[in-house]
PDB file of all heavy atoms in Angstrom:
ATOM      1  N   ALA A   1      98.207  72.757  87.288  1.00  0.00           N
ATOM      2  CA  ALA A   1      98.794  71.540  87.847  1.00  0.00           C
ATOM      3  C   ALA A   1      98.774  70.395  86.837  1.00  0.00           C
ATOM      4  O   ALA A   1      99.717  69.595  86.774  1.00  0.00           O
ATOM      5  CB  ALA A   1      98.040  71.144  89.114  1.00  0.00           C
ATOM      6  N   LYS A   2      97.715  70.315  86.014  1.00  0.00           N
ATOM      7  CA  LYS A   2      97.638  69.257  84.995  1.00  0.00           C
ATOM      8  C   LYS A   2      98.686  69.461  83.910  1.00  0.00           C
ATOM      9  O   LYS A   2      99.313  68.512  83.424  1.00  0.00           O
ATOM     10  CB  LYS A   2      96.237  69.227  84.376  1.00  0.00           C
ATOM     11  CG  LYS A   2      95.169  68.620  85.275  1.00  0.00           C
ATOM     12  CD  LYS A   2      93.801  68.640  84.591  1.00  0.00           C
ATOM     13  CE  LYS A   2      92.728  68.029  85.472  1.00  0.00           C
ATOM     14  NZ  LYS A   2      91.384  68.097  84.828  1.00  0.00           N
ATOM     15  N   LYS A   3      98.906  70.711  83.520  1.00  0.00           N
ATOM     16  CA  LYS A   3      99.876  71.008  82.460  1.00  0.00           C
ATOM     17  C   LYS A   3     101.316  70.861  82.946  1.00  0.00           C
ATOM     18  O   LYS A   3     102.237  70.690  82.131  1.00  0.00           O
ATOM     19  CB  LYS A   3      99.655  72.430  81.929  1.00  0.00           C
ATOM     20  CG  LYS A   3      98.410  72.592  81.086  1.00  0.00           C
ATOM     21  CD  LYS A   3      98.321  74.014  80.554  1.00  0.00           C
ATOM     22  CE  LYS A   3      97.098  74.207  79.657  1.00  0.00           C
ATOM     23  NZ  LYS A   3      96.996  75.601  79.158  1.00  0.00           N
ATOM     24  N   HIS A   4     101.515  70.953  84.250  1.00  0.00           N
ATOM     25  CA  HIS A   4     102.871  70.890  84.818  1.00  0.00           C
ATOM     26  C   HIS A   4     102.879  69.835  85.926  1.00  0.00           C
ATOM     27  O   HIS A   4     102.934  70.163  87.115  1.00  0.00           O
ATOM     28  CB  HIS A   4     103.273  72.256  85.373  1.00  0.00           C
ATOM     29  CG  HIS A   4     103.218  73.358  84.368  1.00  0.00           C
ATOM     30  ND1 HIS A   4     104.258  73.670  83.530  1.00  0.00           N
ATOM     31  CD2 HIS A   4     102.216  74.242  84.064  1.00  0.00           C
ATOM     32  CE1 HIS A   4     103.925  74.688  82.757  1.00  0.00           C
ATOM     33  NE2 HIS A   4     102.685  75.054  83.063  1.00  0.00           N
ATOM     34  N   PRO A   5     102.848  68.556  85.550  1.00  0.00           N
ATOM     35  CA  PRO A   5     102.718  67.488  86.551  1.00  0.00           C
ATOM     36  C   PRO A   5     103.876  67.424  87.543  1.00  0.00           C
ATOM     37  O   PRO A   5     103.723  66.843  88.621  1.00  0.00           O
ATOM     38  CB  PRO A   5     102.648  66.221  85.697  1.00  0.00           C
ATOM     39  CG  PRO A   5     103.228  66.596  84.378  1.00  0.00           C
ATOM     40  CD  PRO A   5     102.900  68.024  84.172  1.00  0.00           C
ATOM     41  N   LYS A   6     105.021  68.007  87.223  1.00  0.00           N
ATOM     42  CA  LYS A   6     106.159  67.968  88.144  1.00  0.00           C
ATOM     43  C   LYS A   6     106.167  69.175  89.092  1.00  0.00           C
ATOM     44  O   LYS A   6     106.990  69.239  90.005  1.00  0.00           O
ATOM     45  CB  LYS A   6     107.468  67.927  87.368  1.00  0.00           C
ATOM     46  CG  LYS A   6     107.661  66.634  86.580  1.00  0.00           C
ATOM     47  CD  LYS A   6     109.009  66.627  85.875  1.00  0.00           C
ATOM     48  CE  LYS A   6     109.209  65.328  85.093  1.00  0.00           C
ATOM     49  NZ  LYS A   6     110.524  65.313  84.394  1.00  0.00           N
ATOM     50  N   ALA A   7     105.275  70.110  88.866  1.00  0.00           N
ATOM     51  CA  ALA A   7     105.239  71.316  89.708  1.00  0.00           C
ATOM     52  C   ALA A   7     104.772  70.975  91.119  1.00  0.00           C
ATOM     53  O   ALA A   7     103.975  70.058  91.337  1.00  0.00           O
ATOM     54  CB  ALA A   7     104.328  72.360  89.096  1.00  0.00           C
ATOM     55  N   LYS A   8     105.270  71.728  92.071  1.00  0.00           N
ATOM     56  CA  LYS A   8     104.915  71.543  93.482  1.00  0.00           C
ATOM     57  C   LYS A   8     104.172  72.746  94.052  1.00  0.00           C
ATOM     58  O   LYS A   8     103.706  72.703  95.181  1.00  0.00           O
ATOM     59  CB  LYS A   8     106.174  71.311  94.309  1.00  0.00           C
ATOM     60  CG  LYS A   8     106.995  70.092  93.899  1.00  0.00           C
ATOM     61  CD  LYS A   8     108.262  70.002  94.742  1.00  0.00           C
ATOM     62  CE  LYS A   8     109.122  68.815  94.329  1.00  0.00           C
ATOM     63  NZ  LYS A   8     110.384  68.758  95.125  1.00  0.00           N
ATOM     64  N   GLY A   9     104.118  73.822  93.266  1.00  0.00           N
ATOM     65  CA  GLY A   9     103.468  75.013  93.780  1.00  0.00           C
ATOM     66  C   GLY A   9     103.189  76.018  92.688  1.00  0.00           C
ATOM     67  O   GLY A   9     103.635  75.868  91.544  1.00  0.00           O
ATOM     68  N   ILE A  10     102.435  77.062  93.054  1.00  0.00           N
ATOM     69  CA  ILE A  10     102.057  78.124  92.119  1.00  0.00           C
ATOM     70  C   ILE A  10     102.203  79.461  92.838  1.00  0.00           C
ATOM     71  O   ILE A  10     101.769  79.615  93.989  1.00  0.00           O
ATOM     72  CB  ILE A  10     100.599  77.949  91.645  1.00  0.00           C
ATOM     73  CG1 ILE A  10     100.446  76.635  90.864  1.00  0.00           C
ATOM     74  CG2 ILE A  10     100.159  79.137  90.786  1.00  0.00           C
ATOM     75  CD1 ILE A  10      98.994  76.271  90.558  1.00  0.00           C
ATOM     76  N   VAL A  11     102.827  80.429  92.158  1.00  0.00           N
ATOM     77  CA  VAL A  11     102.822  81.806  92.633  1.00  0.00           C
ATOM     78  C   VAL A  11     101.643  82.505  91.971  1.00  0.00           C
ATOM     79  O   VAL A  11     101.573  82.596  90.743  1.00  0.00           O
ATOM     80  CB  VAL A  11     104.133  82.538  92.290  1.00  0.00           C
ATOM     81  CG1 VAL A  11     104.007  84.033  92.589  1.00  0.00           C
ATOM     82  CG2 VAL A  11     105.297  81.951  93.085  1.00  0.00           C
ATOM     83  N   MET A  12     100.721  82.977  92.793  1.00  0.00           N
ATOM     84  CA  MET A  12      99.552  83.693  92.280  1.00  0.00           C
ATOM     85  C   MET A  12      99.880  85.180  92.257  1.00  0.00           C
ATOM     86  O   MET A  12     100.166  85.781  93.294  1.00  0.00           O
ATOM     87  CB  MET A  12      98.333  83.414  93.156  1.00  0.00           C
ATOM     88  CG  MET A  12      97.900  81.953  93.108  1.00  0.00           C
ATOM     89  SD  MET A  12      96.490  81.613  94.191  1.00  0.00           S
ATOM     90  CE  MET A  12      97.322  81.597  95.775  1.00  0.00           C
ATOM     91  N   GLY A  13      99.866  85.760  91.061  1.00  0.00           N
ATOM     92  CA  GLY A  13     100.274  87.146  90.887  1.00  0.00           C
ATOM     93  C   GLY A  13      99.599  88.081  91.872  1.00  0.00           C
ATOM     94  O   GLY A  13      98.373  88.047  92.014  1.00  0.00           O
ATOM     95  N   GLN A  14     100.419  88.900  92.570  1.00  0.00           N
ATOM     96  CA  GLN A  14      99.953  89.905  93.525  1.00  0.00           C
ATOM     97  C   GLN A  14      99.087  89.328  94.639  1.00  0.00           C
ATOM     98  O   GLN A  14      98.265  90.029  95.219  1.00  0.00           O
ATOM     99  CB  GLN A  14      99.228  91.029  92.792  1.00  0.00           C
ATOM    100  CG  GLN A  14     100.172  91.798  91.871  1.00  0.00           C
ATOM    101  CD  GLN A  14      99.473  92.822  91.040  1.00  0.00           C
ATOM    102  OE1 GLN A  14      98.738  92.479  90.121  1.00  0.00           O
ATOM    103  NE2 GLN A  14      99.707  94.090  91.348  1.00  0.00           N
ATOM    104  N   HIS A  15      99.308  88.057  94.928  1.00  0.00           N
ATOM    105  CA  HIS A  15      98.470  87.423  95.943  1.00  0.00           C
ATOM    106  C   HIS A  15      99.295  86.590  96.922  1.00  0.00           C
ATOM    107  O   HIS A  15      99.347  86.905  98.100  1.00  0.00           O
ATOM    108  CB  HIS A  15      97.402  86.563  95.266  1.00  0.00           C
ATOM    109  CG  HIS A  15      96.413  85.961  96.214  1.00  0.00           C
ATOM    110  ND1 HIS A  15      95.288  85.308  95.792  1.00  0.00           N
ATOM    111  CD2 HIS A  15      96.378  85.890  97.571  1.00  0.00           C
ATOM    112  CE1 HIS A  15      94.597  84.881  96.833  1.00  0.00           C
ATOM    113  NE2 HIS A  15      95.252  85.230  97.934  1.00  0.00           N
ATOM    114  N   GLY A  16      99.935  85.537  96.466  1.00  0.00           N
ATOM    115  CA  GLY A  16     100.644  84.693  97.408  1.00  0.00           C
ATOM    116  C   GLY A  16     101.108  83.388  96.803  1.00  0.00           C
ATOM    117  O   GLY A  16     101.223  83.243  95.579  1.00  0.00           O
ATOM    118  N   LEU A  17     101.345  82.421  97.664  1.00  0.00           N
ATOM    119  CA  LEU A  17     101.917  81.124  97.295  1.00  0.00           C
ATOM    120  C   LEU A  17     100.946  80.018  97.659  1.00  0.00           C
ATOM    121  O   LEU A  17     100.303  80.067  98.716  1.00  0.00           O
ATOM    122  CB  LEU A  17     103.239  80.917  98.053  1.00  0.00           C
ATOM    123  CG  LEU A  17     103.907  79.538  97.948  1.00  0.00           C
ATOM    124  CD1 LEU A  17     104.430  79.304  96.534  1.00  0.00           C
ATOM    125  CD2 LEU A  17     105.052  79.424  98.966  1.00  0.00           C
ATOM    126  N   ILE A  18     100.844  79.006  96.799  1.00  0.00           N
ATOM    127  CA  ILE A  18     100.106  77.797  97.132  1.00  0.00           C
ATOM    128  C   ILE A  18     100.934  76.609  96.678  1.00  0.00           C
ATOM    129  O   ILE A  18     101.503  76.612  95.589  1.00  0.00           O
ATOM    130  CB  ILE A  18      98.685  77.803  96.516  1.00  0.00           C
ATOM    131  CG1 ILE A  18      97.826  76.707  97.121  1.00  0.00           C
ATOM    132  CG2 ILE A  18      98.709  77.734  94.994  1.00  0.00           C
ATOM    133  CD1 ILE A  18      96.319  76.892  96.876  1.00  0.00           C
ATOM    134  N   ASN A  19     101.083  75.609  97.544  1.00  0.00           N
ATOM    135  CA  ASN A  19     101.882  74.423  97.217  1.00  0.00           C
ATOM    136  C   ASN A  19     101.262  73.189  97.852  1.00  0.00           C
ATOM    137  O   ASN A  19     100.421  73.283  98.746  1.00  0.00           O
ATOM    138  CB  ASN A  19     103.337  74.603  97.670  1.00  0.00           C
ATOM    139  CG  ASN A  19     103.472  75.035  99.108  1.00  0.00           C
ATOM    140  OD1 ASN A  19     103.557  76.233  99.395  1.00  0.00           O
ATOM    141  ND2 ASN A  19     103.478  74.081 100.035  1.00  0.00           N
ATOM    142  N   TRP A  20     101.680  72.032  97.395  1.00  0.00           N
ATOM    143  CA  TRP A  20     101.008  70.809  97.813  1.00  0.00           C
ATOM    144  C   TRP A  20     101.977  69.629  97.893  1.00  0.00           C
ATOM    145  O   TRP A  20     103.052  69.631  97.298  1.00  0.00           O
ATOM    146  CB  TRP A  20      99.869  70.482  96.854  1.00  0.00           C
ATOM    147  CG  TRP A  20     100.293  70.357  95.415  1.00  0.00           C
ATOM    148  CD1 TRP A  20     100.714  69.234  94.756  1.00  0.00           C
ATOM    149  CD2 TRP A  20     100.358  71.416  94.452  1.00  0.00           C
ATOM    150  NE1 TRP A  20     101.024  69.510  93.451  1.00  0.00           N
ATOM    151  CE2 TRP A  20     100.815  70.845  93.232  1.00  0.00           C
ATOM    152  CE3 TRP A  20     100.066  72.778  94.487  1.00  0.00           C
ATOM    153  CZ2 TRP A  20     100.988  71.601  92.072  1.00  0.00           C
ATOM    154  CZ3 TRP A  20     100.250  73.520  93.334  1.00  0.00           C
ATOM    155  CH2 TRP A  20     100.700  72.939  92.144  1.00  0.00           C
ATOM    156  N   ALA A  21     101.544  68.621  98.661  1.00  0.00           N
ATOM    157  CA  ALA A  21     102.294  67.372  98.801  1.00  0.00           C
ATOM    158  C   ALA A  21     101.323  66.314  99.306  1.00  0.00           C
ATOM    159  O   ALA A  21     100.209  66.629  99.748  1.00  0.00           O
ATOM    160  CB  ALA A  21     103.468  67.537  99.752  1.00  0.00           C
ATOM    161  N   ASP A  22     101.769  65.051  99.276  1.00  0.00           N
ATOM    162  CA  ASP A  22     100.899  63.966  99.737  1.00  0.00           C
ATOM    163  C   ASP A  22     101.160  63.575 101.183  1.00  0.00           C
ATOM    164  O   ASP A  22     100.544  62.638 101.702  1.00  0.00           O
ATOM    165  CB  ASP A  22     101.053  62.743  98.820  1.00  0.00           C
ATOM    166  CG  ASP A  22     100.377  62.946  97.471  1.00  0.00           C
ATOM    167  OD1 ASP A  22      99.364  63.676  97.422  1.00  0.00           O
ATOM    168  OD2 ASP A  22     100.858  62.399  96.466  1.00  0.00           O
ATOM    169  N   ASP A  23     102.079  64.273 101.839  1.00  0.00           N
ATOM    170  CA  ASP A  23     102.378  64.041 103.247  1.00  0.00           C
ATOM    171  C   ASP A  23     102.354  65.396 103.947  1.00  0.00           C
ATOM    172  O   ASP A  23     102.853  66.391 103.411  1.00  0.00           O
ATOM    173  CB  ASP A  23     103.764  63.384 103.389  1.00  0.00           C
ATOM    174  CG  ASP A  23     104.190  63.262 104.833  1.00  0.00           C
ATOM    175  OD1 ASP A  23     103.714  62.330 105.510  1.00  0.00           O
ATOM    176  OD2 ASP A  23     104.985  64.110 105.300  1.00  0.00           O
ATOM    177  N   ASP A  24     101.786  65.443 105.149  1.00  0.00           N
ATOM    178  CA  ASP A  24     101.608  66.745 105.794  1.00  0.00           C
ATOM    179  C   ASP A  24     102.931  67.387 106.205  1.00  0.00           C
ATOM    180  O   ASP A  24     103.141  68.590 106.013  1.00  0.00           O
ATOM    181  CB  ASP A  24     100.638  66.660 106.974  1.00  0.00           C
ATOM    182  CG  ASP A  24     101.009  65.628 108.022  1.00  0.00           C
ATOM    183  OD1 ASP A  24     102.039  64.944 107.871  1.00  0.00           O
ATOM    184  OD2 ASP A  24     100.255  65.507 109.020  1.00  0.00           O
ATOM    185  N   LYS A  25     103.841  66.602 106.747  1.00  0.00           N
ATOM    186  CA  LYS A  25     105.138  67.168 107.109  1.00  0.00           C
ATOM    187  C   LYS A  25     105.894  67.630 105.867  1.00  0.00           C
ATOM    188  O   LYS A  25     106.525  68.703 105.865  1.00  0.00           O
ATOM    189  CB  LYS A  25     105.968  66.140 107.880  1.00  0.00           C
ATOM    190  CG  LYS A  25     107.338  66.653 108.302  1.00  0.00           C
ATOM    191  CD  LYS A  25     108.142  65.580 109.028  1.00  0.00           C
ATOM    192  CE  LYS A  25     109.534  66.079 109.391  1.00  0.00           C
ATOM    193  NZ  LYS A  25     110.351  65.031 110.038  1.00  0.00           N
ATOM    194  N   ALA A  26     105.800  66.833 104.803  1.00  0.00           N
ATOM    195  CA  ALA A  26     106.462  67.213 103.551  1.00  0.00           C
ATOM    196  C   ALA A  26     105.878  68.504 103.001  1.00  0.00           C
ATOM    197  O   ALA A  26     106.603  69.342 102.451  1.00  0.00           O
ATOM    198  CB  ALA A  26     106.330  66.086 102.526  1.00  0.00           C
ATOM    199  N   CYS A  27     104.568  68.694 103.156  1.00  0.00           N
ATOM    200  CA  CYS A  27     103.922  69.926 102.679  1.00  0.00           C
ATOM    201  C   CYS A  27     104.410  71.120 103.486  1.00  0.00           C
ATOM    202  O   CYS A  27     104.714  72.187 102.924  1.00  0.00           O
ATOM    203  CB  CYS A  27     102.407  69.786 102.780  1.00  0.00           C
ATOM    204  SG  CYS A  27     101.491  71.087 101.936  1.00  0.00           S
ATOM    205  N   TYR A  28     104.510  70.941 104.803  1.00  0.00           N
ATOM    206  CA  TYR A  28     105.021  72.003 105.664  1.00  0.00           C
ATOM    207  C   TYR A  28     106.447  72.373 105.264  1.00  0.00           C
ATOM    208  O   TYR A  28     106.777  73.559 105.104  1.00  0.00           O
ATOM    209  CB  TYR A  28     104.972  71.538 107.123  1.00  0.00           C
ATOM    210  CG  TYR A  28     105.676  72.465 108.089  1.00  0.00           C
ATOM    211  CD1 TYR A  28     105.079  73.650 108.506  1.00  0.00           C
ATOM    212  CD2 TYR A  28     106.936  72.145 108.594  1.00  0.00           C
ATOM    213  CE1 TYR A  28     105.717  74.500 109.393  1.00  0.00           C
ATOM    214  CE2 TYR A  28     107.584  72.988 109.487  1.00  0.00           C
ATOM    215  CZ  TYR A  28     106.976  74.165 109.888  1.00  0.00           C
ATOM    216  OH  TYR A  28     107.620  75.004 110.761  1.00  0.00           O
ATOM    217  N   GLU A  29     107.288  71.379 105.090  1.00  0.00           N
ATOM    218  CA  GLU A  29     108.686  71.649 104.741  1.00  0.00           C
ATOM    219  C   GLU A  29     108.805  72.254 103.345  1.00  0.00           C
ATOM    220  O   GLU A  29     109.661  73.115 103.104  1.00  0.00           O
ATOM    221  CB  GLU A  29     109.507  70.372 104.849  1.00  0.00           C
ATOM    222  CG  GLU A  29     109.652  69.888 106.288  1.00  0.00           C
ATOM    223  CD  GLU A  29     110.491  68.631 106.412  1.00  0.00           C
ATOM    224  OE1 GLU A  29     110.669  67.913 105.390  1.00  0.00           O
ATOM    225  OE2 GLU A  29     110.976  68.349 107.529  1.00  0.00           O
ATOM    226  N   LEU A  30     107.924  71.836 102.438  1.00  0.00           N
ATOM    227  CA  LEU A  30     107.929  72.426 101.098  1.00  0.00           C
ATOM    228  C   LEU A  30     107.576  73.913 101.176  1.00  0.00           C
ATOM    229  O   LEU A  30     108.204  74.746 100.503  1.00  0.00           O
ATOM    230  CB  LEU A  30     106.933  71.693 100.196  1.00  0.00           C
ATOM    231  CG  LEU A  30     106.747  72.264  98.784  1.00  0.00           C
ATOM    232  CD1 LEU A  30     108.064  72.218  98.000  1.00  0.00           C
ATOM    233  CD2 LEU A  30     105.642  71.496  98.039  1.00  0.00           C
ATOM    234  N   SER A  31     106.582  74.254 101.989  1.00  0.00           N
ATOM    235  CA  SER A  31     106.228  75.673 102.160  1.00  0.00           C
ATOM    236  C   SER A  31     107.446  76.466 102.602  1.00  0.00           C
ATOM    237  O   SER A  31     107.757  77.529 102.042  1.00  0.00           O
ATOM    238  CB  SER A  31     105.107  75.823 103.193  1.00  0.00           C
ATOM    239  OG  SER A  31     103.899  75.240 102.737  1.00  0.00           O
ATOM    240  N   LEU A  32     108.151  75.953 103.599  1.00  0.00           N
ATOM    241  CA  LEU A  32     109.335  76.650 104.097  1.00  0.00           C
ATOM    242  C   LEU A  32     110.431  76.720 103.042  1.00  0.00           C
ATOM    243  O   LEU A  32     111.095  77.756 102.874  1.00  0.00           O
ATOM    244  CB  LEU A  32     109.861  75.969 105.363  1.00  0.00           C
ATOM    245  CG  LEU A  32     109.302  76.507 106.699  1.00  0.00           C
ATOM    246  CD1 LEU A  32     107.784  76.425 106.751  1.00  0.00           C
ATOM    247  CD2 LEU A  32     109.917  75.746 107.878  1.00  0.00           C
ATOM    248  N   ASP A  33     110.629  75.621 102.309  1.00  0.00           N
ATOM    249  CA  ASP A  33     111.669  75.603 101.269  1.00  0.00           C
ATOM    250  C   ASP A  33     111.413  76.675 100.210  1.00  0.00           C
ATOM    251  O   ASP A  33     112.331  77.396  99.793  1.00  0.00           O
ATOM    252  CB  ASP A  33     111.718  74.231 100.595  1.00  0.00           C
ATOM    253  CG  ASP A  33     112.275  73.139 101.499  1.00  0.00           C
ATOM    254  OD1 ASP A  33     112.917  73.477 102.516  1.00  0.00           O
ATOM    255  OD2 ASP A  33     112.063  71.950 101.191  1.00  0.00           O
ATOM    256  N   LEU A  34     110.163  76.759  99.767  1.00  0.00           N
ATOM    257  CA  LEU A  34     109.834  77.702  98.693  1.00  0.00           C
ATOM    258  C   LEU A  34     109.944  79.152  99.168  1.00  0.00           C
ATOM    259  O   LEU A  34     110.423  80.023  98.430  1.00  0.00           O
ATOM    260  CB  LEU A  34     108.428  77.416  98.155  1.00  0.00           C
ATOM    261  CG  LEU A  34     108.222  76.031  97.528  1.00  0.00           C
ATOM    262  CD1 LEU A  34     106.785  75.861  97.058  1.00  0.00           C
ATOM    263  CD2 LEU A  34     109.190  75.789  96.376  1.00  0.00           C
ATOM    264  N   ILE A  35     109.509  79.400 100.391  1.00  0.00           N
ATOM    265  CA  ILE A  35     109.634  80.754 100.931  1.00  0.00           C
ATOM    266  C   ILE A  35     111.106  81.116 101.117  1.00  0.00           C
ATOM    267  O   ILE A  35     111.540  82.231 100.803  1.00  0.00           O
ATOM    268  CB  ILE A  35     108.867  80.871 102.259  1.00  0.00           C
ATOM    269  CG1 ILE A  35     107.366  80.626 102.029  1.00  0.00           C
ATOM    270  CG2 ILE A  35     109.079  82.247 102.897  1.00  0.00           C
ATOM    271  CD1 ILE A  35     106.577  80.383 103.298  1.00  0.00           C
ATOM    272  N   GLU A  36     111.877  80.167 101.618  1.00  0.00           N
ATOM    273  CA  GLU A  36     113.302  80.402 101.839  1.00  0.00           C
ATOM    274  C   GLU A  36     114.016  80.752 100.534  1.00  0.00           C
ATOM    275  O   GLU A  36     114.880  81.640 100.506  1.00  0.00           O
ATOM    276  CB  GLU A  36     113.932  79.153 102.464  1.00  0.00           C
ATOM    277  CG  GLU A  36     115.406  79.276 102.777  1.00  0.00           C
ATOM    278  CD  GLU A  36     115.700  80.048 104.058  1.00  0.00           C
ATOM    279  OE1 GLU A  36     114.743  80.444 104.757  1.00  0.00           O
ATOM    280  OE2 GLU A  36     116.891  80.257 104.359  1.00  0.00           O
ATOM    281  N   LYS A  37     113.661  80.070  99.452  1.00  0.00           N
ATOM    282  CA  LYS A  37     114.303  80.352  98.157  1.00  0.00           C
ATOM    283  C   LYS A  37     114.046  81.789  97.710  1.00  0.00           C
ATOM    284  O   LYS A  37     114.962  82.485  97.262  1.00  0.00           O
ATOM    285  CB  LYS A  37     113.789  79.379  97.088  1.00  0.00           C
ATOM    286  CG  LYS A  37     114.418  78.001  97.135  1.00  0.00           C
ATOM    287  CD  LYS A  37     113.982  77.165  95.947  1.00  0.00           C
ATOM    288  CE  LYS A  37     114.662  75.798  95.964  1.00  0.00           C
ATOM    289  NZ  LYS A  37     114.280  74.976  94.783  1.00  0.00           N
ATOM    290  N   ALA A  38     112.786  82.228  97.830  1.00  0.00           N
ATOM    291  CA  ALA A  38     112.461  83.603  97.430  1.00  0.00           C
ATOM    292  C   ALA A  38     113.152  84.608  98.344  1.00  0.00           C
ATOM    293  O   ALA A  38     113.703  85.616  97.883  1.00  0.00           O
ATOM    294  CB  ALA A  38     110.949  83.808  97.455  1.00  0.00           C
ATOM    295  N   ALA A  39     113.135  84.335  99.649  1.00  0.00           N
ATOM    296  CA  ALA A  39     113.744  85.254 100.600  1.00  0.00           C
ATOM    297  C   ALA A  39     115.253  85.353 100.383  1.00  0.00           C
ATOM    298  O   ALA A  39     115.827  86.447 100.471  1.00  0.00           O
ATOM    299  CB  ALA A  39     113.436  84.801 102.027  1.00  0.00           C
ATOM    300  N   GLU A  40     115.894  84.239 100.088  1.00  0.00           N
ATOM    301  CA  GLU A  40     117.336  84.251  99.867  1.00  0.00           C
ATOM    302  C   GLU A  40     117.678  84.984  98.569  1.00  0.00           C
ATOM    303  O   GLU A  40     118.658  85.739  98.514  1.00  0.00           O
ATOM    304  CB  GLU A  40     117.873  82.815  99.820  1.00  0.00           C
ATOM    305  CG  GLU A  40     119.383  82.705  99.766  1.00  0.00           C
ATOM    306  CD  GLU A  40     120.076  83.348 100.971  1.00  0.00           C
ATOM    307  OE1 GLU A  40     119.502  83.324 102.078  1.00  0.00           O
ATOM    308  OE2 GLU A  40     121.193  83.878 100.780  1.00  0.00           O
ATOM    309  N   TYR A  41     116.851  84.788  97.562  1.00  0.00           N
ATOM    310  CA  TYR A  41     117.048  85.489  96.285  1.00  0.00           C
ATOM    311  C   TYR A  41     116.998  87.003  96.504  1.00  0.00           C
ATOM    312  O   TYR A  41     117.822  87.755  95.981  1.00  0.00           O
ATOM    313  CB  TYR A  41     115.961  85.052  95.298  1.00  0.00           C
ATOM    314  CG  TYR A  41     116.060  85.668  93.924  1.00  0.00           C
ATOM    315  CD1 TYR A  41     116.816  85.072  92.924  1.00  0.00           C
ATOM    316  CD2 TYR A  41     115.368  86.846  93.623  1.00  0.00           C
ATOM    317  CE1 TYR A  41     116.891  85.635  91.649  1.00  0.00           C
ATOM    318  CE2 TYR A  41     115.442  87.416  92.355  1.00  0.00           C
ATOM    319  CZ  TYR A  41     116.203  86.797  91.369  1.00  0.00           C
ATOM    320  OH  TYR A  41     116.281  87.359  90.109  1.00  0.00           O
ATOM    321  N   ILE A  42     116.029  87.443  97.315  1.00  0.00           N
ATOM    322  CA  ILE A  42     115.890  88.875  97.609  1.00  0.00           C
ATOM    323  C   ILE A  42     117.057  89.365  98.463  1.00  0.00           C
ATOM    324  O   ILE A  42     117.624  90.437  98.218  1.00  0.00           O
ATOM    325  CB  ILE A  42     114.545  89.143  98.307  1.00  0.00           C
ATOM    326  CG1 ILE A  42     113.380  88.899  97.336  1.00  0.00           C
ATOM    327  CG2 ILE A  42     114.472  90.568  98.851  1.00  0.00           C
ATOM    328  CD1 ILE A  42     112.019  88.857  97.995  1.00  0.00           C
ATOM    329  N   ALA A  43     117.422  88.579  99.479  1.00  0.00           N
ATOM    330  CA  ALA A  43     118.491  88.987 100.390  1.00  0.00           C
ATOM    331  C   ALA A  43     119.804  89.223  99.651  1.00  0.00           C
ATOM    332  O   ALA A  43     120.573  90.135  99.995  1.00  0.00           O
ATOM    333  CB  ALA A  43     118.680  87.938 101.478  1.00  0.00           C
ATOM    334  N   GLN A  44     120.068  88.402  98.637  1.00  0.00           N
ATOM    335  CA  GLN A  44     121.311  88.542  97.873  1.00  0.00           C
ATOM    336  C   GLN A  44     121.340  89.839  97.067  1.00  0.00           C
ATOM    337  O   GLN A  44     122.405  90.258  96.605  1.00  0.00           O
ATOM    338  CB  GLN A  44     121.492  87.343  96.953  1.00  0.00           C
ATOM    339  CG  GLN A  44     121.802  86.049  97.699  1.00  0.00           C
ATOM    340  CD  GLN A  44     121.768  84.832  96.795  1.00  0.00           C
ATOM    341  OE1 GLN A  44     121.534  84.935  95.579  1.00  0.00           O
ATOM    342  NE2 GLN A  44     121.997  83.655  97.367  1.00  0.00           N
ATOM    343  N   ARG A  45     120.173  90.459  96.895  1.00  0.00           N
ATOM    344  CA  ARG A  45     120.078  91.685  96.102  1.00  0.00           C
ATOM    345  C   ARG A  45     119.667  92.894  96.949  1.00  0.00           C
ATOM    346  O   ARG A  45     119.270  93.928  96.424  1.00  0.00           O
ATOM    347  CB  ARG A  45     119.082  91.474  94.950  1.00  0.00           C
ATOM    348  CG  ARG A  45     119.610  90.463  93.929  1.00  0.00           C
ATOM    349  CD  ARG A  45     118.496  89.797  93.143  1.00  0.00           C
ATOM    350  NE  ARG A  45     119.043  88.858  92.171  1.00  0.00           N
ATOM    351  CZ  ARG A  45     119.473  87.625  92.469  1.00  0.00           C
ATOM    352  NH1 ARG A  45     119.415  87.196  93.737  1.00  0.00           N
ATOM    353  NH2 ARG A  45     119.958  86.828  91.537  1.00  0.00           N
TER     354      ARG A  45
END
């Protein structure tokens, strides 16, 4: 997170997703946004 100050999340290899925000609703929506992006990428293939 320090090396990538603009990052909003991290994919942990063979484990899962972790993401953060300074507002709880924004954090919830960010979780959904990031999952949706991966799911849509897979769906297209």
